[in-house]
C-alpha atoms as a PDB file:
ATOM      1  CA  MET A   1      -3.702 -13.540  30.212  1.00  0.00           C
ATOM      2  CA  LEU A   2      -4.798 -10.060  31.037  1.00  0.00           C
ATOM      3  CA  PHE A   3      -3.387  -8.442  27.884  1.00  0.00           C
ATOM      4  CA  ARG A   4      -3.076  -9.487  24.256  1.00  0.00           C
ATOM      5  CA  VAL A   5       0.653 -10.070  24.371  1.00  0.00           C
ATOM      6  CA  ARG A   6       1.275 -10.888  20.713  1.00  0.00           C
ATOM      7  CA  THR A   7      -0.727  -7.904  19.419  1.00  0.00           C
ATOM      8  CA  ILE A   8       1.080  -5.461  21.681  1.00  0.00           C
ATOM      9  CA  GLY A   9       4.452  -7.000  20.797  1.00  0.00           C
ATOM     10  CA  VAL A  10       3.847  -6.783  17.059  1.00  0.00           C
ATOM     11  CA  SER A  11       2.662  -3.177  17.340  1.00  0.00           C
ATOM     12  CA  GLY A  12       5.783  -2.234  19.267  1.00  0.00           C
ATOM     13  CA  ALA A  13       8.000  -4.039  16.763  1.00  0.00           C
ATOM     14  CA  VAL A  14       6.407  -2.237  13.814  1.00  0.00           C
ATOM     15  CA  VAL A  15       6.891   1.148  15.471  1.00  0.00           C
ATOM     16  CA  PHE A  16      10.529   0.361  16.206  1.00  0.00           C
ATOM     17  CA  PHE A  17      11.104  -0.956  12.678  1.00  0.00           C
ATOM     18  CA  PHE A  18       9.954   2.258  11.049  1.00  0.00           C
ATOM     19  CA  GLY A  19      11.627   4.426  13.672  1.00  0.00           C
ATOM     20  CA  ILE A  20      15.002   2.770  13.226  1.00  0.00           C
ATOM     21  CA  SER A  21      14.690   2.737   9.446  1.00  0.00           C
ATOM     22  CA  LEU A  22      13.884   6.466   9.378  1.00  0.00           C
ATOM     23  CA  ILE A  23      16.842   7.235  11.633  1.00  0.00           C
ATOM     24  CA  GLY A  24      19.117   5.175   9.367  1.00  0.00           C
ATOM     25  CA  TRP A  25      17.759   6.841   6.252  1.00  0.00           C
ATOM     26  CA  ALA A  26      18.280  10.298   7.770  1.00  0.00           C
ATOM     27  CA  SER A  27      21.851   9.317   8.656  1.00  0.00           C
ATOM     28  CA  GLY A  28      22.594   8.520   5.013  1.00  0.00           C
ATOM     29  CA  LEU A  29      22.939   4.736   5.271  1.00  0.00           C
ATOM     30  CA  SER A  30      22.211   2.484   2.326  1.00  0.00           C
ATOM     31  CA  PRO A  31      18.714   0.986   2.127  1.00  0.00           C
ATOM     32  CA  PHE A  32      20.065  -2.523   2.762  1.00  0.00           C
ATOM     33  CA  ALA A  33      21.856  -1.425   5.934  1.00  0.00           C
ATOM     34  CA  CYS A  34      18.744   0.428   7.109  1.00  0.00           C
ATOM     35  CA  CYS A  35      16.609  -2.644   6.498  1.00  0.00           C
ATOM     36  CA  LYS A  36      18.989  -4.987   8.320  1.00  0.00           C
ATOM     37  CA  ARG A  37      19.295  -2.739  11.335  1.00  0.00           C
ATOM     38  CA  ALA A  38      15.579  -2.041  11.452  1.00  0.00           C
ATOM     39  CA  LEU A  39      14.761  -5.745  11.238  1.00  0.00           C
ATOM     40  CA  ILE A  40      17.155  -6.616  14.052  1.00  0.00           C
ATOM     41  CA  GLY A  41      15.775  -3.744  16.111  1.00  0.00           C
ATOM     42  CA  ALA A  42      12.205  -4.878  15.477  1.00  0.00           C
ATOM     43  CA  VAL A  43      12.967  -8.432  16.597  1.00  0.00           C
ATOM     44  CA  LEU A  44      14.639  -7.182  19.759  1.00  0.00           C
ATOM     45  CA  ALA A  45      11.780  -4.756  20.404  1.00  0.00           C
ATOM     46  CA  TYR A  46       9.254  -7.574  19.962  1.00  0.00           C
ATOM     47  CA  ILE A  47      11.068  -9.781  22.458  1.00  0.00           C
ATOM     48  CA  ALA A  48      11.449  -6.959  24.978  1.00  0.00           C
ATOM     49  CA  THR A  49       7.821  -5.894  24.618  1.00  0.00           C
ATOM     50  CA  VAL A  50       6.482  -9.430  25.006  1.00  0.00           C
ATOM     51  CA  LEU A  51       8.582 -10.010  28.117  1.00  0.00           C
ATOM     52  CA  ALA A  52       7.526  -6.683  29.631  1.00  0.00           C
ATOM     53  CA  VAL A  53       3.827  -7.240  28.923  1.00  0.00           C
ATOM     54  CA  ARG A  54       3.970 -10.759  30.374  1.00  0.00           C
ATOM     55  CA  ALA A  55       5.689  -9.455  33.507  1.00  0.00           C
ATOM     56  CA  ILE A  56       3.130  -6.682  33.946  1.00  0.00           C
ATOM     57  CA  SER A  57       0.300  -9.139  33.360  1.00  0.00           C
ATOM     58  CA  ALA A  58       1.692 -11.579  35.938  1.00  0.00           C
ATOM     59  CA  ILE A  59       2.059  -8.793  38.503  1.00  0.00           C
ATOM     60  CA  LEU A  60      -1.506  -7.591  37.929  1.00  0.00           C
ATOM     61  CA  ILE A  61      -2.967 -11.094  38.083  1.00  0.00           C
ATOM     62  CA  SER A  62      -1.165 -11.927  41.326  1.00  0.00           C
ATOM     63  CA  SER A  63      -2.312  -8.607  42.782  1.00  0.00           C
ATOM     64  CA  MET A  64      -5.920  -9.317  41.816  1.00  0.00           C
ATOM     65  CA  ILE A  65      -5.732 -12.797  43.353  1.00  0.00           C
ATOM     66  CA  ALA A  66      -4.250 -11.421  46.582  1.00  0.00           C
ATOM     67  CA  ASN A  67      -6.968  -8.767  46.705  1.00  0.00           C
ATOM     68  CA  LYS A  68      -9.741 -11.342  46.258  1.00  0.00           C
ATOM     69  CA  MET A  69      -8.231 -13.584  48.931  1.00  0.00           C
ATOM     70  CA  ALA A  70      -7.945 -10.663  51.369  1.00  0.00           C
ATOM     71  CA  LYS A  71     -11.577  -9.733  50.779  1.00  0.00           C
ATOM     72  CA  LYS A  72     -12.640 -13.334  51.270  1.00  0.00           C
ATOM     73  CA  GLU A  73     -10.716 -13.539  54.585  1.00  0.00           C
ATOM     74  CA  GLN A  74     -12.317 -10.304  55.804  1.00  0.00           C
ATOM     75  CA  THR A  75     -15.830 -11.594  55.174  1.00  0.00           C
ATOM     76  CA  GLY A  76     -15.022 -14.817  57.005  1.00  0.00           C
ATOM     77  CA  GLY A  77     -15.677 -17.139  54.046  1.00  0.00           C
ATOM     78  CA  SER A  78     -13.426 -20.046  53.321  1.00  0.00           C
END
Protein backbone atom coordinates (compact mmCIF):
# COMPACT_ATOMS: atom_id res chain seq x y z
CA MET A 1 0.00 0.00 0.00
CA LEU A 2 1.08 3.50 -0.74
CA PHE A 3 -0.35 5.04 2.44
CA ARG A 4 -0.67 3.92 6.04
CA VAL A 5 -4.40 3.31 5.90
CA ARG A 6 -5.03 2.41 9.54
CA THR A 7 -3.05 5.38 10.90
CA ILE A 8 -4.86 7.86 8.69
CA GLY A 9 -8.23 6.28 9.53
CA VAL A 10 -7.64 6.42 13.27
CA SER A 11 -6.47 10.04 13.08
CA GLY A 12 -9.59 11.00 11.16
CA ALA A 13 -11.81 9.13 13.61
CA VAL A 14 -10.24 10.87 16.61
CA VAL A 15 -10.73 14.29 15.02
CA PHE A 16 -14.37 13.50 14.26
CA PHE A 17 -14.94 12.10 17.75
CA PHE A 18 -13.82 15.29 19.46
CA GLY A 19 -15.50 17.50 16.88
CA ILE A 20 -18.86 15.82 17.27
CA SER A 21 -18.56 15.70 21.05
CA LEU A 22 -17.78 19.43 21.21
CA ILE A 23 -20.74 20.23 18.96
CA GLY A 24 -23.01 18.11 21.17
CA TRP A 25 -21.67 19.71 24.33
CA ALA A 26 -22.21 23.20 22.88
CA SER A 27 -25.77 22.22 21.96
CA GLY A 28 -26.52 21.33 25.59
CA LEU A 29 -26.84 17.56 25.24
CA SER A 30 -26.11 15.24 28.14
CA PRO A 31 -22.60 13.76 28.32
CA PHE A 32 -23.93 10.26 27.60
CA ALA A 33 -25.72 11.42 24.45
CA CYS A 34 -22.61 13.31 23.33
CA CYS A 35 -20.46 10.24 23.88
CA LYS A 36 -22.82 7.93 22.00
CA ARG A 37 -23.13 10.24 19.03
CA ALA A 38 -19.42 10.96 18.94
CA LEU A 39 -18.58 7.26 19.08
CA ILE A 40 -20.95 6.44 16.23
CA GLY A 41 -19.59 9.36 14.25
CA ALA A 42 -16.01 8.24 14.87
CA VAL A 43 -16.75 4.70 13.67
CA LEU A 44 -18.42 6.01 10.53
CA ALA A 45 -15.57 8.47 9.94
CA TYR A 46 -13.03 5.66 10.33
CA ILE A 47 -14.82 3.49 7.78
CA ALA A 48 -15.21 6.37 5.32
CA THR A 49 -11.59 7.45 5.72
CA VAL A 50 -10.23 3.93 5.26
CA LEU A 51 -12.31 3.41 2.13
CA ALA A 52 -11.27 6.77 0.69
CA VAL A 53 -7.57 6.22 1.40
CA ARG A 54 -7.69 2.74 -0.13
CA ALA A 55 -9.40 4.10 -3.24
CA ILE A 56 -6.86 6.90 -3.61
CA SER A 57 -4.02 4.44 -3.06
CA ALA A 58 -5.39 2.05 -5.70
CA ILE A 59 -5.76 4.89 -8.20
CA LEU A 60 -2.21 6.10 -7.59
CA ILE A 61 -0.72 2.61 -7.82
CA SER A 62 -2.51 1.84 -11.08
CA SER A 63 -1.38 5.20 -12.46
CA MET A 64 2.23 4.49 -11.50
CA ILE A 65 2.07 1.05 -13.11
CA ALA A 66 0.59 2.48 -16.32
CA ASN A 67 3.29 5.16 -16.37
CA LYS A 68 6.08 2.59 -15.97
CA MET A 69 4.59 0.40 -18.70
CA ALA A 70 4.30 3.37 -21.07
CA LYS A 71 7.92 4.31 -20.45
CA LYS A 72 9.01 0.73 -21.02
CA GLU A 73 7.10 0.58 -24.34
CA GLN A 74 8.68 3.85 -25.48
CA THR A 75 12.20 2.57 -24.87
CA GLY A 76 11.42 -0.62 -26.77
CA GLY A 77 12.08 -3.00 -23.86
CA SER A 78 9.84 -5.93 -23.21
